[in-house]
Amino acid sequence: MSRQHSGQLAEQRACQFLQRQGLRLLERNWRCRLGELDLIMRDDDHLVFVEVRYRSHAAWGGAAASVDARKQARLIRAAEQFLQQHPALARLACRFDVVALDGEQPPDWLQGAFTG
C-alpha cells in the first residue's frame, strides 16, 4: 500500500473516530501555500485543527512524536491563513489536536496538543 493511500485511510479512520466523539467535520485536506490542514472540525464552541499522524509501528517515538516544533509552526501558519479566509469562524476559540495512529492500535487523541 502506498504512503498516500495509507495516509488517506488514517485520516478517514481519525475523522470517523472524532465524529463518534461528537465533533463535526468542516473541511478535509484544506490547502494553502503555507501548508495543509488534515481535518478542520467543530467541537461545540471550538474550532479544532486536527493533524493526523500514522505510523505502521511505534519505532522512533511513534506517530505523536512526529509532530515536532517545525511541523507545529507550519500548522499554525496554515490555520492563521484559514481564519483570514473564514472570518465568521475566526470568532471561535481555536485548538490544535493530534490524532496519532500507531499500527492497528486505537487512536490516541491529544486534545490541545500544542498552542498557536
PDB file of N, CA and C in Angstrom:
ATOM      1  N   MET A   1       0.855  -1.179   0.000  1.00  0.00           N
ATOM      2  CA  MET A   1       0.000   0.000   0.000  1.00  0.00           C
ATOM      3  C   MET A   1       0.903   1.245   0.000  1.00  0.00           C
ATOM      4  N   SER A   2       0.570   2.235  -0.817  1.00  0.00           N
ATOM      5  CA  SER A   2       1.379   3.449  -0.901  1.00  0.00           C
ATOM      6  C   SER A   2       1.213   4.296   0.359  1.00  0.00           C
ATOM      7  N   ARG A   3       2.201   5.166   0.594  1.00  0.00           N
ATOM      8  CA  ARG A   3       2.130   6.076   1.743  1.00  0.00           C
ATOM      9  C   ARG A   3       0.911   6.984   1.640  1.00  0.00           C
ATOM     10  N   GLN A   4       0.625   7.443   0.414  1.00  0.00           N
ATOM     11  CA  GLN A   4      -0.517   8.330   0.226  1.00  0.00           C
ATOM     12  C   GLN A   4      -1.820   7.614   0.566  1.00  0.00           C
ATOM     13  N   HIS A   5      -1.954   6.380   0.107  1.00  0.00           N
ATOM     14  CA  HIS A   5      -3.175   5.618   0.383  1.00  0.00           C
ATOM     15  C   HIS A   5      -3.305   5.319   1.874  1.00  0.00           C
ATOM     16  N   SER A   6      -2.216   4.931   2.529  1.00  0.00           N
ATOM     17  CA  SER A   6      -2.291   4.654   3.967  1.00  0.00           C
ATOM     18  C   SER A   6      -2.592   5.928   4.742  1.00  0.00           C
ATOM     19  N   GLY A   7      -2.088   7.077   4.260  1.00  0.00           N
ATOM     20  CA  GLY A   7      -2.407   8.352   4.903  1.00  0.00           C
ATOM     21  C   GLY A   7      -3.875   8.707   4.777  1.00  0.00           C
ATOM     22  N   GLN A   8      -4.446   8.447   3.602  1.00  0.00           N
ATOM     23  CA  GLN A   8      -5.877   8.717   3.399  1.00  0.00           C
ATOM     24  C   GLN A   8      -6.730   7.830   4.300  1.00  0.00           C
ATOM     25  N   LEU A   9      -6.346   6.566   4.409  1.00  0.00           N
ATOM     26  CA  LEU A   9      -7.087   5.658   5.292  1.00  0.00           C
ATOM     27  C   LEU A   9      -6.983   6.102   6.749  1.00  0.00           C
ATOM     28  N   ALA A  10      -5.799   6.560   7.145  1.00  0.00           N
ATOM     29  CA  ALA A  10      -5.606   7.036   8.520  1.00  0.00           C
ATOM     30  C   ALA A  10      -6.474   8.267   8.784  1.00  0.00           C
ATOM     31  N   GLU A  11      -6.527   9.188   7.831  1.00  0.00           N
ATOM     32  CA  GLU A  11      -7.370  10.374   8.006  1.00  0.00           C
ATOM     33  C   GLU A  11      -8.841   9.999   8.107  1.00  0.00           C
ATOM     34  N   GLN A  12      -9.274   9.047   7.301  1.00  0.00           N
ATOM     35  CA  GLN A  12     -10.664   8.589   7.364  1.00  0.00           C
ATOM     36  C   GLN A  12     -10.963   7.960   8.724  1.00  0.00           C
ATOM     37  N   ARG A  13     -10.039   7.138   9.181  1.00  0.00           N
ATOM     38  CA  ARG A  13     -10.201   6.487  10.489  1.00  0.00           C
ATOM     39  C   ARG A  13     -10.251   7.527  11.617  1.00  0.00           C
ATOM     40  N   ALA A  14      -9.370   8.513  11.555  1.00  0.00           N
ATOM     41  CA  ALA A  14      -9.345   9.567  12.573  1.00  0.00           C
ATOM     42  C   ALA A  14     -10.626  10.397  12.531  1.00  0.00           C
ATOM     43  N   CYS A  15     -11.076  10.736  11.332  1.00  0.00           N
ATOM     44  CA  CYS A  15     -12.285  11.533  11.180  1.00  0.00           C
ATOM     45  C   CYS A  15     -13.492  10.796  11.768  1.00  0.00           C
ATOM     46  N   GLN A  16     -13.632   9.539  11.446  1.00  0.00           N
ATOM     47  CA  GLN A  16     -14.746   8.752  11.982  1.00  0.00           C
ATOM     48  C   GLN A  16     -14.672   8.662  13.504  1.00  0.00           C
ATOM     49  N   PHE A  17     -13.471   8.474  14.028  1.00  0.00           N
ATOM     50  CA  PHE A  17     -13.275   8.414  15.479  1.00  0.00           C
ATOM     51  C   PHE A  17     -13.734   9.724  16.125  1.00  0.00           C
ATOM     52  N   LEU A  18     -13.303  10.854  15.573  1.00  0.00           N
ATOM     53  CA  LEU A  18     -13.657  12.153  16.153  1.00  0.00           C
ATOM     54  C   LEU A  18     -15.146  12.446  16.007  1.00  0.00           C
ATOM     55  N   GLN A  19     -15.748  12.038  14.911  1.00  0.00           N
ATOM     56  CA  GLN A  19     -17.186  12.229  14.744  1.00  0.00           C
ATOM     57  C   GLN A  19     -17.958  11.419  15.787  1.00  0.00           C
ATOM     58  N   ARG A  20     -17.468  10.227  16.115  1.00  0.00           N
ATOM     59  CA  ARG A  20     -18.122   9.437  17.171  1.00  0.00           C
ATOM     60  C   ARG A  20     -17.986  10.123  18.534  1.00  0.00           C
ATOM     61  N   GLN A  21     -16.969  10.983  18.680  1.00  0.00           N
ATOM     62  CA  GLN A  21     -16.779  11.734  19.922  1.00  0.00           C
ATOM     63  C   GLN A  21     -17.606  13.022  19.934  1.00  0.00           C
ATOM     64  N   GLY A  22     -18.328  13.295  18.846  1.00  0.00           N
ATOM     65  CA  GLY A  22     -19.215  14.443  18.787  1.00  0.00           C
ATOM     66  C   GLY A  22     -18.706  15.631  17.990  1.00  0.00           C
ATOM     67  N   LEU A  23     -17.529  15.552  17.399  1.00  0.00           N
ATOM     68  CA  LEU A  23     -17.024  16.643  16.584  1.00  0.00           C
ATOM     69  C   LEU A  23     -17.684  16.607  15.210  1.00  0.00           C
ATOM     70  N   ARG A  24     -17.762  17.773  14.585  1.00  0.00           N
ATOM     71  CA  ARG A  24     -18.388  17.893  13.264  1.00  0.00           C
ATOM     72  C   ARG A  24     -17.335  18.335  12.253  1.00  0.00           C
ATOM     73  N   LEU A  25     -17.230  17.611  11.164  1.00  0.00           N
ATOM     74  CA  LEU A  25     -16.257  17.910  10.123  1.00  0.00           C
ATOM     75  C   LEU A  25     -16.679  19.142   9.330  1.00  0.00           C
ATOM     76  N   LEU A  26     -15.758  20.098   9.186  1.00  0.00           N
ATOM     77  CA  LEU A  26     -15.993  21.283   8.364  1.00  0.00           C
ATOM     78  C   LEU A  26     -15.203  21.218   7.062  1.00  0.00           C
ATOM     79  N   GLU A  27     -13.933  20.822   7.141  1.00  0.00           N
ATOM     80  CA  GLU A  27     -13.058  20.756   5.970  1.00  0.00           C
ATOM     81  C   GLU A  27     -12.115  19.571   6.124  1.00  0.00           C
ATOM     82  N   ARG A  28     -11.721  19.045   4.975  1.00  0.00           N
ATOM     83  CA  ARG A  28     -10.758  17.940   4.967  1.00  0.00           C
ATOM     84  C   ARG A  28      -9.678  18.260   3.941  1.00  0.00           C
ATOM     85  N   ASN A  29      -8.420  18.098   4.336  1.00  0.00           N
ATOM     86  CA  ASN A  29      -7.278  18.359   3.459  1.00  0.00           C
ATOM     87  C   ASN A  29      -7.323  19.768   2.871  1.00  0.00           C
ATOM     88  N   TRP A  30      -7.524  20.759   3.734  1.00  0.00           N
ATOM     89  CA  TRP A  30      -7.543  22.155   3.305  1.00  0.00           C
ATOM     90  C   TRP A  30      -6.103  22.583   3.030  1.00  0.00           C
ATOM     91  N   ARG A  31      -5.887  23.127   1.840  1.00  0.00           N
ATOM     92  CA  ARG A  31      -4.532  23.503   1.430  1.00  0.00           C
ATOM     93  C   ARG A  31      -4.428  24.993   1.119  1.00  0.00           C
ATOM     94  N   CYS A  32      -3.255  25.509   1.435  1.00  0.00           N
ATOM     95  CA  CYS A  32      -2.886  26.859   1.034  1.00  0.00           C
ATOM     96  C   CYS A  32      -1.385  26.827   0.760  1.00  0.00           C
ATOM     97  N   ARG A  33      -0.817  27.937   0.346  1.00  0.00           N
ATOM     98  CA  ARG A  33       0.606  27.942   0.028  1.00  0.00           C
ATOM     99  C   ARG A  33       1.479  27.706   1.264  1.00  0.00           C
ATOM    100  N   LEU A  34       0.916  27.857   2.441  1.00  0.00           N
ATOM    101  CA  LEU A  34       1.675  27.686   3.676  1.00  0.00           C
ATOM    102  C   LEU A  34       1.636  26.263   4.220  1.00  0.00           C
ATOM    103  N   GLY A  35       0.766  25.434   3.674  1.00  0.00           N
ATOM    104  CA  GLY A  35       0.693  24.060   4.157  1.00  0.00           C
ATOM    105  C   GLY A  35      -0.688  23.471   3.993  1.00  0.00           C
ATOM    106  N   GLU A  36      -0.894  22.372   4.689  1.00  0.00           N
ATOM    107  CA  GLU A  36      -2.158  21.646   4.625  1.00  0.00           C
ATOM    108  C   GLU A  36      -2.653  21.349   6.032  1.00  0.00           C
ATOM    109  N   LEU A  37      -3.965  21.453   6.196  1.00  0.00           N
ATOM    110  CA  LEU A  37      -4.620  21.081   7.447  1.00  0.00           C
ATOM    111  C   LEU A  37      -5.422  19.814   7.161  1.00  0.00           C
ATOM    112  N   ASP A  38      -5.118  18.742   7.876  1.00  0.00           N
ATOM    113  CA  ASP A  38      -5.752  17.453   7.592  1.00  0.00           C
ATOM    114  C   ASP A  38      -7.263  17.506   7.804  1.00  0.00           C
ATOM    115  N   LEU A  39      -7.665  17.905   9.003  1.00  0.00           N
ATOM    116  CA  LEU A  39      -9.084  17.981   9.336  1.00  0.00           C
ATOM    117  C   LEU A  39      -9.344  19.285  10.075  1.00  0.00           C
ATOM    118  N   ILE A  40     -10.423  19.948   9.720  1.00  0.00           N
ATOM    119  CA  ILE A  40     -10.882  21.116  10.464  1.00  0.00           C
ATOM    120  C   ILE A  40     -12.268  20.754  10.952  1.00  0.00           C
ATOM    121  N   MET A  41     -12.433  20.790  12.278  1.00  0.00           N
ATOM    122  CA  MET A  41     -13.665  20.300  12.875  1.00  0.00           C
ATOM    123  C   MET A  41     -14.209  21.303  13.875  1.00  0.00           C
ATOM    124  N   ARG A  42     -15.451  21.108  14.226  1.00  0.00           N
ATOM    125  CA  ARG A  42     -16.107  21.950  15.222  1.00  0.00           C
ATOM    126  C   ARG A  42     -16.428  21.078  16.429  1.00  0.00           C
ATOM    127  N   ASP A  43     -16.001  21.536  17.594  1.00  0.00           N
ATOM    128  CA  ASP A  43     -16.282  20.862  18.861  1.00  0.00           C
ATOM    129  C   ASP A  43     -16.977  21.882  19.753  1.00  0.00           C
ATOM    130  N   ASP A  44     -18.297  21.888  19.711  1.00  0.00           N
ATOM    131  CA  ASP A  44     -19.110  22.894  20.402  1.00  0.00           C
ATOM    132  C   ASP A  44     -18.662  24.291  19.982  1.00  0.00           C
ATOM    133  N   ASP A  45     -18.084  25.067  20.920  1.00  0.00           N
ATOM    134  CA  ASP A  45     -17.688  26.439  20.603  1.00  0.00           C
ATOM    135  C   ASP A  45     -16.205  26.549  20.241  1.00  0.00           C
ATOM    136  N   HIS A  46     -15.580  25.438  19.879  1.00  0.00           N
ATOM    137  CA  HIS A  46     -14.173  25.435  19.469  1.00  0.00           C
ATOM    138  C   HIS A  46     -14.025  25.036  17.998  1.00  0.00           C
ATOM    139  N   LEU A  47     -13.131  25.711  17.332  1.00  0.00           N
ATOM    140  CA  LEU A  47     -12.695  25.321  16.005  1.00  0.00           C
ATOM    141  C   LEU A  47     -11.425  24.501  16.223  1.00  0.00           C
ATOM    142  N   VAL A  48     -11.417  23.283  15.713  1.00  0.00           N
ATOM    143  CA  VAL A  48     -10.321  22.354  16.004  1.00  0.00           C
ATOM    144  C   VAL A  48      -9.580  22.024  14.711  1.00  0.00           C
ATOM    145  N   PHE A  49      -8.287  22.305  14.729  1.00  0.00           N
ATOM    146  CA  PHE A  49      -7.400  21.943  13.630  1.00  0.00           C
ATOM    147  C   PHE A  49      -6.728  20.636  14.028  1.00  0.00           C
ATOM    148  N   VAL A  50      -6.977  19.593  13.243  1.00  0.00           N
ATOM    149  CA  VAL A  50      -6.524  18.258  13.609  1.00  0.00           C
ATOM    150  C   VAL A  50      -5.420  17.798  12.665  1.00  0.00           C
ATOM    151  N   GLU A  51      -4.287  17.438  13.235  1.00  0.00           N
ATOM    152  CA  GLU A  51      -3.206  16.825  12.480  1.00  0.00           C
ATOM    153  C   GLU A  51      -3.285  15.321  12.717  1.00  0.00           C
ATOM    154  N   VAL A  52      -3.366  14.566  11.643  1.00  0.00           N
ATOM    155  CA  VAL A  52      -3.449  13.109  11.735  1.00  0.00           C
ATOM    156  C   VAL A  52      -2.077  12.548  11.388  1.00  0.00           C
ATOM    157  N   ARG A  53      -1.542  11.729  12.278  1.00  0.00           N
ATOM    158  CA  ARG A  53      -0.231  11.122  12.052  1.00  0.00           C
ATOM    159  C   ARG A  53      -0.372   9.617  12.156  1.00  0.00           C
ATOM    160  N   TYR A  54       0.173   8.924  11.164  1.00  0.00           N
ATOM    161  CA  TYR A  54       0.103   7.467  11.128  1.00  0.00           C
ATOM    162  C   TYR A  54       1.507   6.898  11.032  1.00  0.00           C
ATOM    163  N   ARG A  55       1.754   5.874  11.797  1.00  0.00           N
ATOM    164  CA  ARG A  55       2.983   5.099  11.709  1.00  0.00           C
ATOM    165  C   ARG A  55       2.587   3.632  11.775  1.00  0.00           C
ATOM    166  N   SER A  56       3.170   2.832  10.911  1.00  0.00           N
ATOM    167  CA  SER A  56       2.824   1.405  10.905  1.00  0.00           C
ATOM    168  C   SER A  56       3.340   0.706  12.155  1.00  0.00           C
ATOM    169  N   HIS A  57       4.342   1.298  12.814  1.00  0.00           N
ATOM    170  CA  HIS A  57       4.847   0.782  14.082  1.00  0.00           C
ATOM    171  C   HIS A  57       5.364   1.961  14.903  1.00  0.00           C
ATOM    172  N   ALA A  58       5.591   1.750  16.174  1.00  0.00           N
ATOM    173  CA  ALA A  58       5.920   2.848  17.093  1.00  0.00           C
ATOM    174  C   ALA A  58       7.416   3.131  17.199  1.00  0.00           C
ATOM    175  N   ALA A  59       8.205   2.697  16.256  1.00  0.00           N
ATOM    176  CA  ALA A  59       9.645   2.984  16.298  1.00  0.00           C
ATOM    177  C   ALA A  59       9.872   4.497  16.210  1.00  0.00           C
ATOM    178  N   TRP A  60      10.975   4.956  16.705  1.00  0.00           N
ATOM    179  CA  TRP A  60      11.358   6.367  16.692  1.00  0.00           C
ATOM    180  C   TRP A  60      10.318   7.257  17.363  1.00  0.00           C
ATOM    181  N   GLY A  61       9.677   6.769  18.392  1.00  0.00           N
ATOM    182  CA  GLY A  61       8.762   7.591  19.167  1.00  0.00           C
ATOM    183  C   GLY A  61       7.313   7.538  18.742  1.00  0.00           C
ATOM    184  N   GLY A  62       7.008   6.885  17.656  1.00  0.00           N
ATOM    185  CA  GLY A  62       5.621   6.741  17.248  1.00  0.00           C
ATOM    186  C   GLY A  62       5.069   7.968  16.552  1.00  0.00           C
ATOM    187  N   ALA A  63       3.791   7.901  16.234  1.00  0.00           N
ATOM    188  CA  ALA A  63       3.129   8.926  15.431  1.00  0.00           C
ATOM    189  C   ALA A  63       3.067  10.276  16.138  1.00  0.00           C
ATOM    190  N   ALA A  64       2.715  10.293  17.414  1.00  0.00           N
ATOM    191  CA  ALA A  64       2.561  11.563  18.125  1.00  0.00           C
ATOM    192  C   ALA A  64       3.867  12.333  18.188  1.00  0.00           C
ATOM    193  N   ALA A  65       4.968  11.648  18.353  1.00  0.00           N
ATOM    194  CA  ALA A  65       6.269  12.300  18.465  1.00  0.00           C
ATOM    195  C   ALA A  65       6.706  12.954  17.163  1.00  0.00           C
ATOM    196  N   SER A  66       6.061  12.612  16.055  1.00  0.00           N
ATOM    197  CA  SER A  66       6.462  13.163  14.764  1.00  0.00           C
ATOM    198  C   SER A  66       5.943  14.580  14.526  1.00  0.00           C
ATOM    199  N   VAL A  67       5.131  15.102  15.421  1.00  0.00           N
ATOM    200  CA  VAL A  67       4.645  16.479  15.288  1.00  0.00           C
ATOM    201  C   VAL A  67       5.596  17.376  16.073  1.00  0.00           C
ATOM    202  N   ASP A  68       6.725  17.681  15.433  1.00  0.00           N
ATOM    203  CA  ASP A  68       7.769  18.467  16.085  1.00  0.00           C
ATOM    204  C   ASP A  68       7.469  19.968  15.985  1.00  0.00           C
ATOM    205  N   ALA A  69       8.350  20.784  16.541  1.00  0.00           N
ATOM    206  CA  ALA A  69       8.136  22.236  16.576  1.00  0.00           C
ATOM    207  C   ALA A  69       8.024  22.832  15.177  1.00  0.00           C
ATOM    208  N   ARG A  70       8.789  22.327  14.238  1.00  0.00           N
ATOM    209  CA  ARG A  70       8.723  22.840  12.864  1.00  0.00           C
ATOM    210  C   ARG A  70       7.356  22.548  12.242  1.00  0.00           C
ATOM    211  N   LYS A  71       6.860  21.332  12.446  1.00  0.00           N
ATOM    212  CA  LYS A  71       5.539  20.953  11.925  1.00  0.00           C
ATOM    213  C   LYS A  71       4.462  21.789  12.600  1.00  0.00           C
ATOM    214  N   GLN A  72       4.578  21.993  13.896  1.00  0.00           N
ATOM    215  CA  GLN A  72       3.600  22.808  14.619  1.00  0.00           C
ATOM    216  C   GLN A  72       3.549  24.224  14.053  1.00  0.00           C
ATOM    217  N   ALA A  73       4.705  24.802  13.771  1.00  0.00           N
ATOM    218  CA  ALA A  73       4.754  26.167  13.233  1.00  0.00           C
ATOM    219  C   ALA A  73       4.063  26.239  11.868  1.00  0.00           C
ATOM    220  N   ARG A  74       4.260  25.224  11.029  1.00  0.00           N
ATOM    221  CA  ARG A  74       3.604  25.199   9.717  1.00  0.00           C
ATOM    222  C   ARG A  74       2.083  25.092   9.872  1.00  0.00           C
ATOM    223  N   LEU A  75       1.640  24.265  10.817  1.00  0.00           N
ATOM    224  CA  LEU A  75       0.206  24.113  11.045  1.00  0.00           C
ATOM    225  C   LEU A  75      -0.410  25.416  11.558  1.00  0.00           C
ATOM    226  N   ILE A  76       0.296  26.091  12.434  1.00  0.00           N
ATOM    227  CA  ILE A  76      -0.198  27.362  12.974  1.00  0.00           C
ATOM    228  C   ILE A  76      -0.328  28.396  11.861  1.00  0.00           C
ATOM    229  N   ARG A  77       0.661  28.492  10.995  1.00  0.00           N
ATOM    230  CA  ARG A  77       0.597  29.453   9.878  1.00  0.00           C
ATOM    231  C   ARG A  77      -0.556  29.119   8.930  1.00  0.00           C
ATOM    232  N   ALA A  78      -0.737  27.847   8.642  1.00  0.00           N
ATOM    233  CA  ALA A  78      -1.850  27.449   7.767  1.00  0.00           C
ATOM    234  C   ALA A  78      -3.189  27.762   8.432  1.00  0.00           C
ATOM    235  N   ALA A  79      -3.296  27.528   9.723  1.00  0.00           N
ATOM    236  CA  ALA A  79      -4.538  27.830  10.449  1.00  0.00           C
ATOM    237  C   ALA A  79      -4.830  29.330  10.429  1.00  0.00           C
ATOM    238  N   GLU A  80      -3.793  30.146  10.572  1.00  0.00           N
ATOM    239  CA  GLU A  80      -3.984  31.592  10.502  1.00  0.00           C
ATOM    240  C   GLU A  80      -4.524  31.993   9.129  1.00  0.00           C
ATOM    241  N   GLN A  81      -3.994  31.383   8.086  1.00  0.00           N
ATOM    242  CA  GLN A  81      -4.476  31.651   6.732  1.00  0.00           C
ATOM    243  C   GLN A  81      -5.941  31.228   6.584  1.00  0.00           C
ATOM    244  N   PHE A  82      -6.292  30.060   7.122  1.00  0.00           N
ATOM    245  CA  PHE A  82      -7.678  29.587   7.070  1.00  0.00           C
ATOM    246  C   PHE A  82      -8.603  30.593   7.760  1.00  0.00           C
ATOM    247  N   LEU A  83      -8.198  31.074   8.927  1.00  0.00           N
ATOM    248  CA  LEU A  83      -9.035  32.008   9.677  1.00  0.00           C
ATOM    249  C   LEU A  83      -9.196  33.333   8.941  1.00  0.00           C
ATOM    250  N   GLN A  84      -8.165  33.775   8.227  1.00  0.00           N
ATOM    251  CA  GLN A  84      -8.286  35.006   7.434  1.00  0.00           C
ATOM    252  C   GLN A  84      -9.296  34.828   6.315  1.00  0.00           C
ATOM    253  N   GLN A  85      -9.363  33.633   5.759  1.00  0.00           N
ATOM    254  CA  GLN A  85     -10.299  33.371   4.669  1.00  0.00           C
ATOM    255  C   GLN A  85     -11.708  33.042   5.152  1.00  0.00           C
ATOM    256  N   HIS A  86     -11.849  32.741   6.432  1.00  0.00           N
ATOM    257  CA  HIS A  86     -13.152  32.384   7.011  1.00  0.00           C
ATOM    258  C   HIS A  86     -13.393  33.229   8.268  1.00  0.00           C
ATOM    259  N   PRO A  87     -13.631  34.527   8.103  1.00  0.00           N
ATOM    260  CA  PRO A  87     -13.732  35.414   9.271  1.00  0.00           C
ATOM    261  C   PRO A  87     -14.863  35.052  10.235  1.00  0.00           C
ATOM    262  N   ALA A  88     -15.922  34.440   9.749  1.00  0.00           N
ATOM    263  CA  ALA A  88     -17.018  34.063  10.661  1.00  0.00           C
ATOM    264  C   ALA A  88     -16.559  33.015  11.664  1.00  0.00           C
ATOM    265  N   LEU A  89     -15.640  32.150  11.257  1.00  0.00           N
ATOM    266  CA  LEU A  89     -15.133  31.121  12.162  1.00  0.00           C
ATOM    267  C   LEU A  89     -14.038  31.653  13.077  1.00  0.00           C
ATOM    268  N   ALA A  90     -13.440  32.783  12.720  1.00  0.00           N
ATOM    269  CA  ALA A  90     -12.336  33.345  13.498  1.00  0.00           C
ATOM    270  C   ALA A  90     -12.776  33.792  14.887  1.00  0.00           C
ATOM    271  N   ARG A  91     -14.075  33.923  15.087  1.00  0.00           N
ATOM    272  CA  ARG A  91     -14.580  34.324  16.409  1.00  0.00           C
ATOM    273  C   ARG A  91     -14.536  33.189  17.419  1.00  0.00           C
ATOM    274  N   LEU A  92     -14.419  31.953  16.931  1.00  0.00           N
ATOM    275  CA  LEU A  92     -14.407  30.797  17.821  1.00  0.00           C
ATOM    276  C   LEU A  92     -13.041  30.615  18.475  1.00  0.00           C
ATOM    277  N   ALA A  93     -13.038  30.010  19.644  1.00  0.00           N
ATOM    278  CA  ALA A  93     -11.778  29.611  20.260  1.00  0.00           C
ATOM    279  C   ALA A  93     -11.183  28.498  19.403  1.00  0.00           C
ATOM    280  N   CYS A  94      -9.876  28.522  19.237  1.00  0.00           N
ATOM    281  CA  CYS A  94      -9.213  27.534  18.385  1.00  0.00           C
ATOM    282  C   CYS A  94      -8.372  26.575  19.223  1.00  0.00           C
ATOM    283  N   ARG A  95      -8.249  25.371  18.695  1.00  0.00           N
ATOM    284  CA  ARG A  95      -7.479  24.330  19.378  1.00  0.00           C
ATOM    285  C   ARG A  95      -6.752  23.501  18.324  1.00  0.00           C
ATOM    286  N   PHE A  96      -5.552  23.061  18.660  1.00  0.00           N
ATOM    287  CA  PHE A  96      -4.785  22.170  17.802  1.00  0.00           C
ATOM    288  C   PHE A  96      -4.734  20.798  18.457  1.00  0.00           C
ATOM    289  N   ASP A  97      -5.318  19.821  17.791  1.00  0.00           N
ATOM    290  CA  ASP A  97      -5.316  18.439  18.280  1.00  0.00           C
ATOM    291  C   ASP A  97      -4.467  17.581  17.354  1.00  0.00           C
ATOM    292  N   VAL A  98      -3.992  16.488  17.896  1.00  0.00           N
ATOM    293  CA  VAL A  98      -3.289  15.483  17.105  1.00  0.00           C
ATOM    294  C   VAL A  98      -3.992  14.156  17.333  1.00  0.00           C
ATOM    295  N   VAL A  99      -4.267  13.443  16.258  1.00  0.00           N
ATOM    296  CA  VAL A  99      -4.741  12.069  16.370  1.00  0.00           C
ATOM    297  C   VAL A  99      -3.610  11.199  15.849  1.00  0.00           C
ATOM    298  N   ALA A 100      -3.037  10.433  16.768  1.00  0.00           N
ATOM    299  CA  ALA A 100      -1.904   9.571  16.432  1.00  0.00           C
ATOM    300  C   ALA A 100      -2.393   8.145  16.267  1.00  0.00           C
ATOM    301  N   LEU A 101      -2.021   7.557  15.157  1.00  0.00           N
ATOM    302  CA  LEU A 101      -2.406   6.180  14.849  1.00  0.00           C
ATOM    303  C   LEU A 101      -1.124   5.373  14.671  1.00  0.00           C
ATOM    304  N   ASP A 102      -0.907   4.456  15.588  1.00  0.00           N
ATOM    305  CA  ASP A 102       0.256   3.575  15.526  1.00  0.00           C
ATOM    306  C   ASP A 102      -0.228   2.171  15.197  1.00  0.00           C
ATOM    307  N   GLY A 103      -0.004   1.767  13.945  1.00  0.00           N
ATOM    308  CA  GLY A 103      -0.440   0.444  13.513  1.00  0.00           C
ATOM    309  C   GLY A 103      -1.937   0.293  13.673  1.00  0.00           C
ATOM    310  N   GLU A 104      -2.335  -0.803  14.247  1.00  0.00           N
ATOM    311  CA  GLU A 104      -3.763  -1.088  14.439  1.00  0.00           C
ATOM    312  C   GLU A 104      -4.237  -0.745  15.849  1.00  0.00           C
ATOM    313  N   GLN A 105      -3.402  -0.041  16.619  1.00  0.00           N
ATOM    314  CA  GLN A 105      -3.783   0.375  17.965  1.00  0.00           C
ATOM    315  C   GLN A 105      -4.938   1.374  17.895  1.00  0.00           C
ATOM    316  N   PRO A 106      -5.730   1.501  18.968  1.00  0.00           N
ATOM    317  CA  PRO A 106      -6.790   2.519  18.973  1.00  0.00           C
ATOM    318  C   PRO A 106      -6.178   3.909  18.811  1.00  0.00           C
ATOM    319  N   PRO A 107      -6.917   4.847  18.239  1.00  0.00           N
ATOM    320  CA  PRO A 107      -6.403   6.207  18.069  1.00  0.00           C
ATOM    321  C   PRO A 107      -6.039   6.843  19.409  1.00  0.00           C
ATOM    322  N   ASP A 108      -4.957   7.604  19.405  1.00  0.00           N
ATOM    323  CA  ASP A 108      -4.538   8.384  20.569  1.00  0.00           C
ATOM    324  C   ASP A 108      -4.866   9.832  20.246  1.00  0.00           C
ATOM    325  N   TRP A 109      -5.901  10.384  20.902  1.00  0.00           N
ATOM    326  CA  TRP A 109      -6.383  11.721  20.630  1.00  0.00           C
ATOM    327  C   TRP A 109      -5.767  12.674  21.638  1.00  0.00           C
ATOM    328  N   LEU A 110      -4.899  13.540  21.175  1.00  0.00           N
ATOM    329  CA  LEU A 110      -4.234  14.521  22.021  1.00  0.00           C
ATOM    330  C   LEU A 110      -4.918  15.869  21.825  1.00  0.00           C
ATOM    331  N   GLN A 111      -5.844  16.183  22.711  1.00  0.00           N
ATOM    332  CA  GLN A 111      -6.577  17.448  22.624  1.00  0.00           C
ATOM    333  C   GLN A 111      -5.674  18.579  23.128  1.00  0.00           C
ATOM    334  N   GLY A 112      -5.665  19.673  22.401  1.00  0.00           N
ATOM    335  CA  GLY A 112      -4.805  20.790  22.803  1.00  0.00           C
ATOM    336  C   GLY A 112      -3.342  20.381  22.827  1.00  0.00           C
ATOM    337  N   ALA A 113      -2.927  19.641  21.812  1.00  0.00           N
ATOM    338  CA  ALA A 113      -1.572  19.083  21.765  1.00  0.00           C
ATOM    339  C   ALA A 113      -0.505  20.175  21.785  1.00  0.00           C
ATOM    340  N   PHE A 114      -0.822  21.333  21.208  1.00  0.00           N
ATOM    341  CA  PHE A 114       0.092  22.468  21.237  1.00  0.00           C
ATOM    342  C   PHE A 114      -0.739  23.741  21.053  1.00  0.00           C
ATOM    343  N   THR A 115      -0.143  24.872  21.326  1.00  0.00           N
ATOM    344  CA  THR A 115      -0.869  26.127  21.214  1.00  0.00           C
ATOM    345  C   THR A 115      -0.292  26.966  20.083  1.00  0.00           C
ATOM    346  N   GLY A 116      -1.134  27.833  19.564  1.00  0.00           N
ATOM    347  CA  GLY A 116      -0.715  28.649  18.433  1.00  0.00           C
ATOM    348  C   GLY A 116      -0.846  30.117  18.683  1.00  0.00           C
TER     349      GLY A 116
END
